[in-house]
N, C-alpha and C. Protein backbone atom coordinates (compact mmCIF):
# COMPACT_ATOMS: atom_id res chain seq x y z
N MET A 1 28.64 0.06 8.33
CA MET A 1 27.24 -0.18 7.97
C MET A 1 27.21 -1.23 6.86
N ASP A 2 26.45 -2.30 7.06
CA ASP A 2 26.37 -3.35 6.05
C ASP A 2 25.45 -2.92 4.91
N LYS A 3 25.40 -3.74 3.86
CA LYS A 3 24.63 -3.39 2.67
C LYS A 3 23.15 -3.22 2.96
N THR A 4 22.61 -4.08 3.82
CA THR A 4 21.18 -4.01 4.13
C THR A 4 20.86 -2.71 4.86
N ALA A 5 21.67 -2.35 5.84
CA ALA A 5 21.44 -1.10 6.58
C ALA A 5 21.62 0.11 5.68
N ALA A 6 22.61 0.04 4.77
CA ALA A 6 22.83 1.14 3.84
C ALA A 6 21.64 1.29 2.89
N LEU A 7 21.12 0.15 2.40
CA LEU A 7 19.95 0.20 1.52
C LEU A 7 18.74 0.76 2.27
N ALA A 8 18.56 0.34 3.52
CA ALA A 8 17.45 0.85 4.33
C ALA A 8 17.57 2.36 4.52
N SER A 9 18.77 2.83 4.78
CA SER A 9 19.00 4.26 4.96
C SER A 9 18.72 5.03 3.67
N ASP A 10 19.17 4.48 2.53
CA ASP A 10 18.92 5.12 1.24
C ASP A 10 17.43 5.17 0.92
N ILE A 11 16.72 4.09 1.24
CA ILE A 11 15.27 4.07 1.00
C ILE A 11 14.58 5.10 1.88
N LEU A 12 14.99 5.20 3.14
CA LEU A 12 14.40 6.21 4.03
C LEU A 12 14.60 7.62 3.49
N ARG A 13 15.80 7.90 2.97
CA ARG A 13 16.04 9.22 2.38
C ARG A 13 15.19 9.42 1.13
N GLY A 14 15.05 8.36 0.32
CA GLY A 14 14.30 8.46 -0.93
C GLY A 14 12.80 8.64 -0.74
N ILE A 15 12.28 8.20 0.40
CA ILE A 15 10.84 8.35 0.64
C ILE A 15 10.53 9.59 1.46
N GLY A 16 11.53 10.41 1.72
CA GLY A 16 11.28 11.67 2.42
C GLY A 16 11.49 11.60 3.92
N GLY A 17 12.18 10.58 4.39
CA GLY A 17 12.46 10.46 5.82
C GLY A 17 11.38 9.72 6.56
N GLU A 18 11.72 9.36 7.80
CA GLU A 18 10.79 8.56 8.59
C GLU A 18 9.51 9.30 8.94
N GLN A 19 9.54 10.64 8.97
CA GLN A 19 8.33 11.38 9.30
C GLN A 19 7.29 11.31 8.19
N ASN A 20 7.68 10.86 7.01
CA ASN A 20 6.74 10.74 5.88
C ASN A 20 6.07 9.37 5.83
N ILE A 21 6.47 8.44 6.69
CA ILE A 21 5.94 7.08 6.65
C ILE A 21 4.62 6.98 7.41
N LEU A 22 3.61 6.46 6.72
CA LEU A 22 2.35 6.12 7.39
C LEU A 22 2.36 4.66 7.80
N ARG A 23 2.82 3.82 6.89
CA ARG A 23 2.80 2.38 7.14
C ARG A 23 4.00 1.74 6.45
N LEU A 24 4.63 0.82 7.15
CA LEU A 24 5.82 0.15 6.63
C LEU A 24 5.65 -1.35 6.84
N GLU A 25 5.70 -2.11 5.75
CA GLU A 25 5.57 -3.56 5.86
C GLU A 25 6.32 -4.20 4.69
N ASN A 26 6.33 -5.51 4.67
CA ASN A 26 7.00 -6.21 3.58
C ASN A 26 6.24 -7.49 3.26
N CYS A 27 6.48 -7.98 2.04
CA CYS A 27 6.04 -9.32 1.68
C CYS A 27 7.32 -10.10 1.40
N MET A 28 7.24 -11.16 0.63
CA MET A 28 8.43 -11.98 0.39
C MET A 28 9.52 -11.22 -0.37
N THR A 29 9.13 -10.39 -1.34
CA THR A 29 10.12 -9.76 -2.21
C THR A 29 10.09 -8.24 -2.20
N ARG A 30 9.11 -7.63 -1.55
CA ARG A 30 8.93 -6.19 -1.67
C ARG A 30 8.88 -5.48 -0.32
N VAL A 31 9.43 -4.28 -0.32
CA VAL A 31 9.27 -3.35 0.80
C VAL A 31 8.06 -2.49 0.44
N ARG A 32 7.04 -2.52 1.28
CA ARG A 32 5.78 -1.81 1.00
C ARG A 32 5.66 -0.63 1.95
N VAL A 33 5.50 0.56 1.37
CA VAL A 33 5.45 1.79 2.16
C VAL A 33 4.25 2.62 1.74
N GLU A 34 3.51 3.11 2.73
CA GLU A 34 2.48 4.11 2.49
C GLU A 34 2.98 5.40 3.12
N VAL A 35 2.91 6.49 2.35
CA VAL A 35 3.47 7.76 2.81
C VAL A 35 2.39 8.82 2.98
N GLN A 36 2.73 9.85 3.76
CA GLN A 36 1.81 10.97 3.97
C GLN A 36 1.76 11.87 2.75
N ASP A 37 2.93 12.15 2.17
CA ASP A 37 3.02 13.12 1.08
C ASP A 37 3.81 12.49 -0.08
N ASP A 38 3.11 12.19 -1.17
CA ASP A 38 3.77 11.57 -2.33
C ASP A 38 4.80 12.50 -2.97
N SER A 39 4.65 13.81 -2.79
CA SER A 39 5.58 14.74 -3.43
C SER A 39 6.98 14.67 -2.82
N GLN A 40 7.10 14.11 -1.62
CA GLN A 40 8.42 13.97 -0.99
C GLN A 40 9.19 12.75 -1.50
N LEU A 41 8.52 11.89 -2.27
CA LEU A 41 9.18 10.70 -2.81
C LEU A 41 10.12 11.08 -3.95
N ASP A 42 11.28 10.48 -3.96
CA ASP A 42 12.22 10.64 -5.07
C ASP A 42 12.27 9.30 -5.80
N ILE A 43 11.26 9.06 -6.64
CA ILE A 43 11.10 7.75 -7.29
C ILE A 43 12.28 7.40 -8.19
N PRO A 44 12.80 8.33 -9.02
CA PRO A 44 13.97 7.95 -9.83
C PRO A 44 15.16 7.52 -8.96
N ARG A 45 15.35 8.20 -7.84
CA ARG A 45 16.45 7.82 -6.93
C ARG A 45 16.20 6.44 -6.33
N LEU A 46 14.95 6.17 -5.94
CA LEU A 46 14.62 4.87 -5.37
C LEU A 46 14.83 3.75 -6.38
N LYS A 47 14.42 3.99 -7.64
CA LYS A 47 14.59 2.97 -8.69
C LYS A 47 16.06 2.69 -8.98
N ALA A 48 16.91 3.72 -8.81
CA ALA A 48 18.32 3.58 -9.16
C ALA A 48 19.18 3.02 -8.03
N LEU A 49 18.59 2.81 -6.86
CA LEU A 49 19.37 2.30 -5.73
C LEU A 49 19.90 0.89 -6.03
N PRO A 50 21.17 0.63 -5.68
CA PRO A 50 21.66 -0.74 -5.83
C PRO A 50 20.94 -1.64 -4.82
N GLY A 51 20.40 -2.71 -5.31
CA GLY A 51 19.63 -3.60 -4.45
C GLY A 51 18.14 -3.50 -4.69
N VAL A 52 17.70 -2.43 -5.37
CA VAL A 52 16.29 -2.28 -5.72
C VAL A 52 16.15 -2.65 -7.19
N SER A 53 15.39 -3.70 -7.46
CA SER A 53 15.26 -4.16 -8.85
C SER A 53 13.99 -3.68 -9.52
N GLY A 54 13.15 -2.95 -8.80
CA GLY A 54 11.95 -2.42 -9.43
C GLY A 54 11.10 -1.63 -8.46
N TYR A 55 10.13 -0.90 -9.03
CA TYR A 55 9.22 -0.08 -8.24
C TYR A 55 7.81 -0.26 -8.80
N VAL A 56 6.84 -0.42 -7.90
CA VAL A 56 5.44 -0.56 -8.30
C VAL A 56 4.61 0.30 -7.36
N LYS A 57 3.63 1.03 -7.93
CA LYS A 57 2.68 1.76 -7.08
C LYS A 57 1.34 1.08 -7.24
N GLN A 58 0.80 0.62 -6.12
CA GLN A 58 -0.49 -0.07 -6.14
C GLN A 58 -1.39 0.62 -5.13
N GLY A 59 -2.36 1.37 -5.63
CA GLY A 59 -3.22 2.15 -4.76
C GLY A 59 -2.40 3.21 -4.06
N GLU A 60 -2.44 3.25 -2.75
CA GLU A 60 -1.67 4.21 -1.97
C GLU A 60 -0.32 3.64 -1.54
N GLN A 61 -0.04 2.41 -1.96
CA GLN A 61 1.15 1.71 -1.48
C GLN A 61 2.26 1.78 -2.53
N HIS A 62 3.45 2.17 -2.08
CA HIS A 62 4.64 2.19 -2.92
C HIS A 62 5.44 0.94 -2.60
N GLN A 63 5.78 0.16 -3.63
CA GLN A 63 6.44 -1.12 -3.41
C GLN A 63 7.80 -1.11 -4.10
N LEU A 64 8.83 -1.40 -3.32
CA LEU A 64 10.19 -1.50 -3.85
C LEU A 64 10.58 -2.97 -3.87
N ILE A 65 10.89 -3.48 -5.05
CA ILE A 65 11.24 -4.89 -5.20
C ILE A 65 12.73 -5.04 -4.87
N VAL A 66 13.01 -5.78 -3.80
CA VAL A 66 14.40 -5.97 -3.37
C VAL A 66 14.84 -7.42 -3.41
N GLY A 67 13.92 -8.33 -3.68
CA GLY A 67 14.29 -9.73 -3.82
C GLY A 67 13.82 -10.60 -2.67
N PRO A 68 13.75 -11.91 -2.93
CA PRO A 68 13.24 -12.83 -1.91
C PRO A 68 14.14 -12.87 -0.67
N GLY A 69 13.52 -12.80 0.49
CA GLY A 69 14.25 -12.87 1.74
C GLY A 69 14.89 -11.56 2.15
N LYS A 70 15.18 -10.71 1.20
CA LYS A 70 15.85 -9.43 1.48
C LYS A 70 14.87 -8.39 2.00
N ALA A 71 13.60 -8.49 1.60
CA ALA A 71 12.61 -7.48 1.98
C ALA A 71 12.44 -7.41 3.49
N ALA A 72 12.34 -8.54 4.15
CA ALA A 72 12.17 -8.55 5.61
C ALA A 72 13.39 -7.95 6.30
N GLN A 73 14.58 -8.24 5.79
CA GLN A 73 15.80 -7.70 6.39
C GLN A 73 15.86 -6.18 6.23
N VAL A 74 15.47 -5.69 5.05
CA VAL A 74 15.51 -4.25 4.80
C VAL A 74 14.49 -3.53 5.68
N VAL A 75 13.27 -4.08 5.79
CA VAL A 75 12.24 -3.45 6.63
C VAL A 75 12.68 -3.46 8.09
N ASP A 76 13.27 -4.56 8.55
CA ASP A 76 13.77 -4.60 9.93
C ASP A 76 14.84 -3.54 10.15
N ALA A 77 15.74 -3.39 9.18
CA ALA A 77 16.80 -2.37 9.30
C ALA A 77 16.20 -0.97 9.29
N MET A 78 15.15 -0.76 8.48
CA MET A 78 14.49 0.55 8.45
C MET A 78 13.83 0.84 9.80
N ARG A 79 13.20 -0.16 10.38
CA ARG A 79 12.55 0.03 11.69
C ARG A 79 13.57 0.34 12.78
N VAL A 80 14.73 -0.31 12.71
CA VAL A 80 15.79 -0.03 13.68
C VAL A 80 16.26 1.42 13.53
N GLN A 81 16.45 1.87 12.29
CA GLN A 81 16.90 3.24 12.06
C GLN A 81 15.84 4.25 12.47
N ILE A 82 14.57 3.93 12.24
CA ILE A 82 13.49 4.83 12.64
C ILE A 82 13.42 4.91 14.16
N ALA A 83 13.53 3.77 14.82
CA ALA A 83 13.48 3.75 16.29
C ALA A 83 14.66 4.52 16.88
N ALA A 84 15.81 4.43 16.24
CA ALA A 84 16.98 5.17 16.72
C ALA A 84 16.78 6.68 16.56
N GLY A 85 15.97 7.06 15.56
CA GLY A 85 15.66 8.48 15.34
C GLY A 85 14.57 8.99 16.25
N GLY A 86 13.93 8.11 16.99
CA GLY A 86 12.91 8.53 17.94
C GLY A 86 11.51 8.57 17.39
N VAL A 87 11.31 8.31 16.11
CA VAL A 87 9.98 8.31 15.53
C VAL A 87 9.64 6.89 15.13
N LYS A 88 8.57 6.37 15.62
CA LYS A 88 8.15 5.02 15.28
C LYS A 88 7.06 5.11 14.23
N PRO A 89 7.01 4.18 13.26
CA PRO A 89 5.96 4.22 12.25
C PRO A 89 4.58 4.17 12.87
N ASP A 90 4.43 3.46 14.00
CA ASP A 90 3.12 3.38 14.64
C ASP A 90 2.68 4.75 15.16
N ASP A 91 3.64 5.56 15.66
CA ASP A 91 3.30 6.90 16.13
C ASP A 91 2.84 7.78 14.98
N ALA A 92 3.54 7.69 13.85
CA ALA A 92 3.15 8.47 12.69
C ALA A 92 1.78 8.04 12.19
N MET A 93 1.54 6.75 12.24
CA MET A 93 0.23 6.23 11.81
C MET A 93 -0.87 6.74 12.73
N ALA A 94 -0.61 6.78 14.03
CA ALA A 94 -1.63 7.24 14.97
C ALA A 94 -1.94 8.72 14.77
N ARG A 95 -0.92 9.51 14.44
CA ARG A 95 -1.14 10.94 14.23
C ARG A 95 -2.02 11.22 13.03
N THR A 96 -1.89 10.41 12.01
CA THR A 96 -2.62 10.68 10.77
C THR A 96 -3.62 9.59 10.46
N LYS A 97 -4.18 8.99 11.49
CA LYS A 97 -5.11 7.89 11.30
C LYS A 97 -6.33 8.32 10.49
N SER A 98 -6.84 9.50 10.77
CA SER A 98 -8.02 9.95 10.05
C SER A 98 -7.70 10.18 8.57
N GLU A 99 -6.50 10.67 8.28
CA GLU A 99 -6.09 10.86 6.89
C GLU A 99 -5.95 9.51 6.19
N ALA A 100 -5.38 8.55 6.88
CA ALA A 100 -5.19 7.23 6.29
C ALA A 100 -6.53 6.56 6.01
N LYS A 101 -7.49 6.72 6.93
CA LYS A 101 -8.81 6.13 6.72
C LYS A 101 -9.52 6.78 5.54
N ALA A 102 -9.31 8.07 5.36
CA ALA A 102 -9.96 8.77 4.25
C ALA A 102 -9.45 8.26 2.90
N LYS A 103 -8.22 7.76 2.86
CA LYS A 103 -7.68 7.26 1.60
C LYS A 103 -8.37 5.98 1.15
N TYR A 104 -8.86 5.22 2.10
CA TYR A 104 -9.54 3.97 1.78
C TYR A 104 -11.04 4.20 1.89
N LYS A 105 -11.62 4.68 0.81
CA LYS A 105 -13.04 5.01 0.84
C LYS A 105 -13.91 3.76 0.78
N ALA A 106 -13.47 2.76 0.07
CA ALA A 106 -14.26 1.54 -0.06
C ALA A 106 -13.83 0.56 1.04
N PRO A 107 -14.74 0.19 1.93
CA PRO A 107 -14.35 -0.73 3.01
C PRO A 107 -13.98 -2.11 2.49
N MET A 108 -14.52 -2.49 1.36
CA MET A 108 -14.20 -3.81 0.81
C MET A 108 -12.76 -3.90 0.31
N SER A 109 -12.19 -2.77 -0.13
CA SER A 109 -10.83 -2.82 -0.65
C SER A 109 -9.84 -3.23 0.44
N ASP A 110 -10.04 -2.74 1.64
CA ASP A 110 -9.15 -3.11 2.75
C ASP A 110 -9.31 -4.59 3.10
N ALA A 111 -10.56 -5.05 3.12
CA ALA A 111 -10.81 -6.46 3.45
C ALA A 111 -10.22 -7.38 2.38
N LEU A 112 -10.38 -7.01 1.12
CA LEU A 112 -9.83 -7.83 0.03
C LEU A 112 -8.31 -7.81 0.04
N ARG A 113 -7.73 -6.65 0.39
CA ARG A 113 -6.27 -6.56 0.45
C ARG A 113 -5.74 -7.47 1.56
N LYS A 114 -6.41 -7.48 2.69
CA LYS A 114 -5.97 -8.35 3.79
C LYS A 114 -6.13 -9.82 3.42
N LEU A 115 -7.23 -10.15 2.76
CA LEU A 115 -7.44 -11.53 2.33
C LEU A 115 -6.36 -11.95 1.33
N ALA A 116 -6.03 -11.05 0.41
CA ALA A 116 -4.97 -11.35 -0.56
C ALA A 116 -3.63 -11.51 0.13
N ASN A 117 -3.35 -10.68 1.14
CA ASN A 117 -2.07 -10.79 1.85
C ASN A 117 -1.95 -12.09 2.63
N VAL A 118 -3.07 -12.74 2.91
CA VAL A 118 -3.03 -14.05 3.57
C VAL A 118 -2.64 -15.13 2.58
N PHE A 119 -3.20 -15.09 1.36
CA PHE A 119 -3.02 -16.20 0.42
C PHE A 119 -1.90 -16.00 -0.60
N ILE A 120 -1.51 -14.78 -0.90
CA ILE A 120 -0.48 -14.56 -1.91
C ILE A 120 0.85 -15.24 -1.56
N PRO A 121 1.31 -15.23 -0.30
CA PRO A 121 2.56 -15.94 0.00
C PRO A 121 2.48 -17.45 -0.21
N LEU A 122 1.27 -18.00 -0.30
CA LEU A 122 1.11 -19.44 -0.48
C LEU A 122 1.13 -19.86 -1.96
N ILE A 123 1.02 -18.90 -2.86
CA ILE A 123 0.94 -19.23 -4.29
C ILE A 123 2.15 -20.04 -4.77
N PRO A 124 3.40 -19.69 -4.43
CA PRO A 124 4.52 -20.53 -4.89
C PRO A 124 4.42 -21.98 -4.42
N ALA A 125 3.92 -22.19 -3.22
CA ALA A 125 3.76 -23.57 -2.72
C ALA A 125 2.70 -24.32 -3.53
N PHE A 126 1.61 -23.64 -3.87
CA PHE A 126 0.57 -24.27 -4.70
C PHE A 126 1.11 -24.60 -6.09
N ILE A 127 1.90 -23.71 -6.65
CA ILE A 127 2.49 -23.95 -7.97
C ILE A 127 3.43 -25.15 -7.92
N ALA A 128 4.30 -25.19 -6.93
CA ALA A 128 5.23 -26.32 -6.81
C ALA A 128 4.48 -27.63 -6.62
N SER A 129 3.44 -27.60 -5.82
CA SER A 129 2.63 -28.80 -5.59
C SER A 129 2.00 -29.29 -6.89
N GLY A 130 1.46 -28.36 -7.66
CA GLY A 130 0.86 -28.73 -8.94
C GLY A 130 1.87 -29.28 -9.92
N LEU A 131 3.05 -28.68 -9.98
CA LEU A 131 4.09 -29.17 -10.89
C LEU A 131 4.55 -30.57 -10.50
N ILE A 132 4.76 -30.79 -9.22
CA ILE A 132 5.19 -32.12 -8.76
C ILE A 132 4.11 -33.16 -9.05
N THR A 133 2.86 -32.82 -8.79
CA THR A 133 1.77 -33.75 -9.07
C THR A 133 1.66 -34.03 -10.56
N GLY A 134 1.87 -33.01 -11.38
CA GLY A 134 1.87 -33.21 -12.83
C GLY A 134 2.98 -34.13 -13.29
N ILE A 135 4.17 -33.97 -12.73
CA ILE A 135 5.30 -34.85 -13.07
C ILE A 135 5.00 -36.28 -12.66
N ILE A 136 4.40 -36.46 -11.49
CA ILE A 136 4.02 -37.80 -11.04
C ILE A 136 3.06 -38.45 -12.02
N ASN A 137 2.06 -37.69 -12.44
CA ASN A 137 1.07 -38.23 -13.37
C ASN A 137 1.69 -38.59 -14.71
N ILE A 138 2.66 -37.81 -15.16
CA ILE A 138 3.35 -38.15 -16.41
C ILE A 138 4.18 -39.42 -16.23
N LEU A 139 4.86 -39.55 -15.09
CA LEU A 139 5.69 -40.73 -14.85
C LEU A 139 4.87 -42.00 -14.67
N LYS A 140 3.61 -41.87 -14.32
CA LYS A 140 2.74 -43.04 -14.15
C LYS A 140 2.18 -43.54 -15.48
N ARG A 141 2.32 -42.75 -16.52
CA ARG A 141 1.76 -43.14 -17.82
C ARG A 141 2.73 -44.04 -18.58
N PRO A 142 2.40 -45.32 -18.74
CA PRO A 142 3.33 -46.23 -19.43
C PRO A 142 3.46 -45.90 -20.92
N ASP A 143 2.46 -45.27 -21.51
CA ASP A 143 2.55 -44.95 -22.94
C ASP A 143 3.47 -43.76 -23.20
N ILE A 144 3.84 -43.00 -22.18
CA ILE A 144 4.70 -41.84 -22.36
C ILE A 144 6.15 -42.15 -21.96
N VAL A 145 6.36 -42.69 -20.76
CA VAL A 145 7.73 -42.90 -20.26
C VAL A 145 8.03 -44.36 -19.99
N GLY A 146 7.20 -45.25 -20.41
CA GLY A 146 7.46 -46.67 -20.16
C GLY A 146 6.98 -47.09 -18.79
N ASP A 147 7.71 -48.03 -18.21
CA ASP A 147 7.27 -48.59 -16.93
C ASP A 147 8.08 -48.04 -15.75
N VAL A 148 8.22 -46.73 -15.69
CA VAL A 148 8.93 -46.07 -14.59
C VAL A 148 8.20 -46.32 -13.28
N ALA A 149 6.88 -46.30 -13.31
CA ALA A 149 6.10 -46.48 -12.08
C ALA A 149 6.32 -47.87 -11.48
N VAL A 150 6.58 -48.85 -12.33
CA VAL A 150 6.79 -50.21 -11.83
C VAL A 150 8.17 -50.33 -11.19
N HIS A 151 9.18 -49.70 -11.80
CA HIS A 151 10.55 -49.83 -11.32
C HIS A 151 10.89 -48.89 -10.15
N TYR A 152 10.21 -47.78 -10.06
CA TYR A 152 10.53 -46.79 -9.02
C TYR A 152 9.29 -46.36 -8.23
N PRO A 153 8.61 -47.30 -7.61
CA PRO A 153 7.39 -46.90 -6.87
C PRO A 153 7.71 -46.05 -5.64
N ASN A 154 8.87 -46.27 -5.02
CA ASN A 154 9.23 -45.47 -3.85
C ASN A 154 9.49 -44.02 -4.22
N LEU A 155 10.11 -43.80 -5.38
CA LEU A 155 10.36 -42.43 -5.84
C LEU A 155 9.04 -41.71 -6.08
N LEU A 156 8.10 -42.39 -6.73
CA LEU A 156 6.80 -41.77 -6.98
C LEU A 156 6.05 -41.52 -5.68
N GLY A 157 6.18 -42.42 -4.73
CA GLY A 157 5.55 -42.21 -3.42
C GLY A 157 6.13 -41.01 -2.69
N LEU A 158 7.46 -40.87 -2.75
CA LEU A 158 8.12 -39.73 -2.11
C LEU A 158 7.72 -38.43 -2.79
N MET A 159 7.67 -38.44 -4.11
CA MET A 159 7.23 -37.25 -4.84
C MET A 159 5.77 -36.92 -4.50
N GLY A 160 4.96 -37.95 -4.31
CA GLY A 160 3.57 -37.74 -3.92
C GLY A 160 3.45 -37.06 -2.57
N ILE A 161 4.34 -37.42 -1.65
CA ILE A 161 4.35 -36.77 -0.33
C ILE A 161 4.70 -35.30 -0.47
N PHE A 162 5.74 -35.01 -1.28
CA PHE A 162 6.12 -33.60 -1.50
C PHE A 162 5.01 -32.84 -2.21
N GLY A 163 4.35 -33.49 -3.16
CA GLY A 163 3.30 -32.83 -3.92
C GLY A 163 2.07 -32.49 -3.10
N SER A 164 1.80 -33.29 -2.08
CA SER A 164 0.60 -33.03 -1.28
C SER A 164 0.90 -32.40 0.08
N ALA A 165 2.17 -32.14 0.37
CA ALA A 165 2.55 -31.60 1.69
C ALA A 165 1.91 -30.25 1.97
N VAL A 166 1.84 -29.39 0.95
CA VAL A 166 1.28 -28.06 1.18
C VAL A 166 -0.19 -28.14 1.60
N PHE A 167 -0.90 -29.13 1.07
CA PHE A 167 -2.31 -29.27 1.43
C PHE A 167 -2.48 -29.91 2.81
N ALA A 168 -1.49 -30.68 3.22
CA ALA A 168 -1.56 -31.30 4.54
C ALA A 168 -1.39 -30.27 5.65
N ILE A 169 -0.58 -29.24 5.39
CA ILE A 169 -0.34 -28.22 6.41
C ILE A 169 -0.92 -26.87 6.02
N MET A 170 -1.85 -26.87 5.07
CA MET A 170 -2.40 -25.60 4.59
C MET A 170 -3.09 -24.82 5.71
N ASN A 171 -3.80 -25.51 6.59
CA ASN A 171 -4.48 -24.78 7.67
C ASN A 171 -3.47 -24.07 8.58
N ILE A 172 -2.31 -24.66 8.79
CA ILE A 172 -1.28 -24.01 9.61
C ILE A 172 -0.72 -22.80 8.88
N LEU A 173 -0.43 -22.96 7.58
CA LEU A 173 0.12 -21.86 6.80
C LEU A 173 -0.84 -20.69 6.72
N VAL A 174 -2.12 -20.97 6.49
CA VAL A 174 -3.13 -19.91 6.44
C VAL A 174 -3.25 -19.24 7.81
N GLY A 175 -3.21 -20.01 8.87
CA GLY A 175 -3.30 -19.44 10.22
C GLY A 175 -2.13 -18.52 10.54
N VAL A 176 -0.93 -18.94 10.19
CA VAL A 176 0.26 -18.12 10.45
C VAL A 176 0.19 -16.83 9.64
N ASN A 177 -0.17 -16.94 8.35
CA ASN A 177 -0.27 -15.74 7.52
C ASN A 177 -1.37 -14.81 8.00
N THR A 178 -2.49 -15.38 8.44
CA THR A 178 -3.59 -14.56 8.95
C THR A 178 -3.15 -13.80 10.20
N ALA A 179 -2.47 -14.49 11.10
CA ALA A 179 -1.98 -13.82 12.31
C ALA A 179 -0.99 -12.72 11.95
N LYS A 180 -0.16 -12.96 10.95
CA LYS A 180 0.82 -11.96 10.52
C LYS A 180 0.12 -10.73 9.94
N VAL A 181 -0.90 -10.95 9.09
CA VAL A 181 -1.61 -9.84 8.45
C VAL A 181 -2.39 -9.01 9.47
N PHE A 182 -3.02 -9.66 10.43
CA PHE A 182 -3.85 -8.95 11.39
C PHE A 182 -3.08 -8.52 12.64
N GLY A 183 -1.76 -8.73 12.65
CA GLY A 183 -0.93 -8.22 13.72
C GLY A 183 -0.88 -9.07 14.97
N GLY A 184 -1.28 -10.32 14.88
CA GLY A 184 -1.23 -11.20 16.04
C GLY A 184 0.06 -11.98 16.10
N SER A 185 0.20 -12.77 17.11
CA SER A 185 1.37 -13.63 17.25
C SER A 185 1.25 -14.79 16.27
N GLN A 186 2.31 -15.07 15.55
CA GLN A 186 2.28 -16.15 14.57
C GLN A 186 2.12 -17.50 15.24
N ALA A 187 2.51 -17.60 16.48
CA ALA A 187 2.34 -18.86 17.21
C ALA A 187 0.86 -19.16 17.42
N LEU A 188 0.04 -18.13 17.54
CA LEU A 188 -1.40 -18.33 17.68
C LEU A 188 -2.03 -18.77 16.37
N GLY A 189 -1.43 -18.37 15.24
CA GLY A 189 -1.97 -18.72 13.94
C GLY A 189 -1.90 -20.19 13.72
């Protein structure tokens, strides 16, 4: 068993087994789990797992921080282990759908959460774009760095392409994330 599968197995034991899962998903850095019974969670054990760098509870969602790129692998490994056990998270969700709906009393909270899940993965790209654009603007100022813009116009042009790339394909990125959040095919997004 590799480290990812072992971590997935340990997380499943720490959350009370696959029968306790209502919803299982991930973002870039976190494994996000909604459970039927919070008393079955062993939070100190989950926090102490090697590979888990933190724990956050947000509303009804328990989030285990496992690092960039690792979250999707861990969730996939958890789904494989759940499927091998014969219980699928979707089946558990269907059984307790009325209970899950009762937890979300405000209809706006679900809509806002879905909207946030569309745009939150894009924040690092916006930050990088802003930083690159800021560096370009500093390099164009002759009173700060001299005549860099005159000597290296191709470099500034290339940096400008990188700085504005996220905005050029933003509609595609939003579409893919929207399809992912609402359960559609990412190719349609």
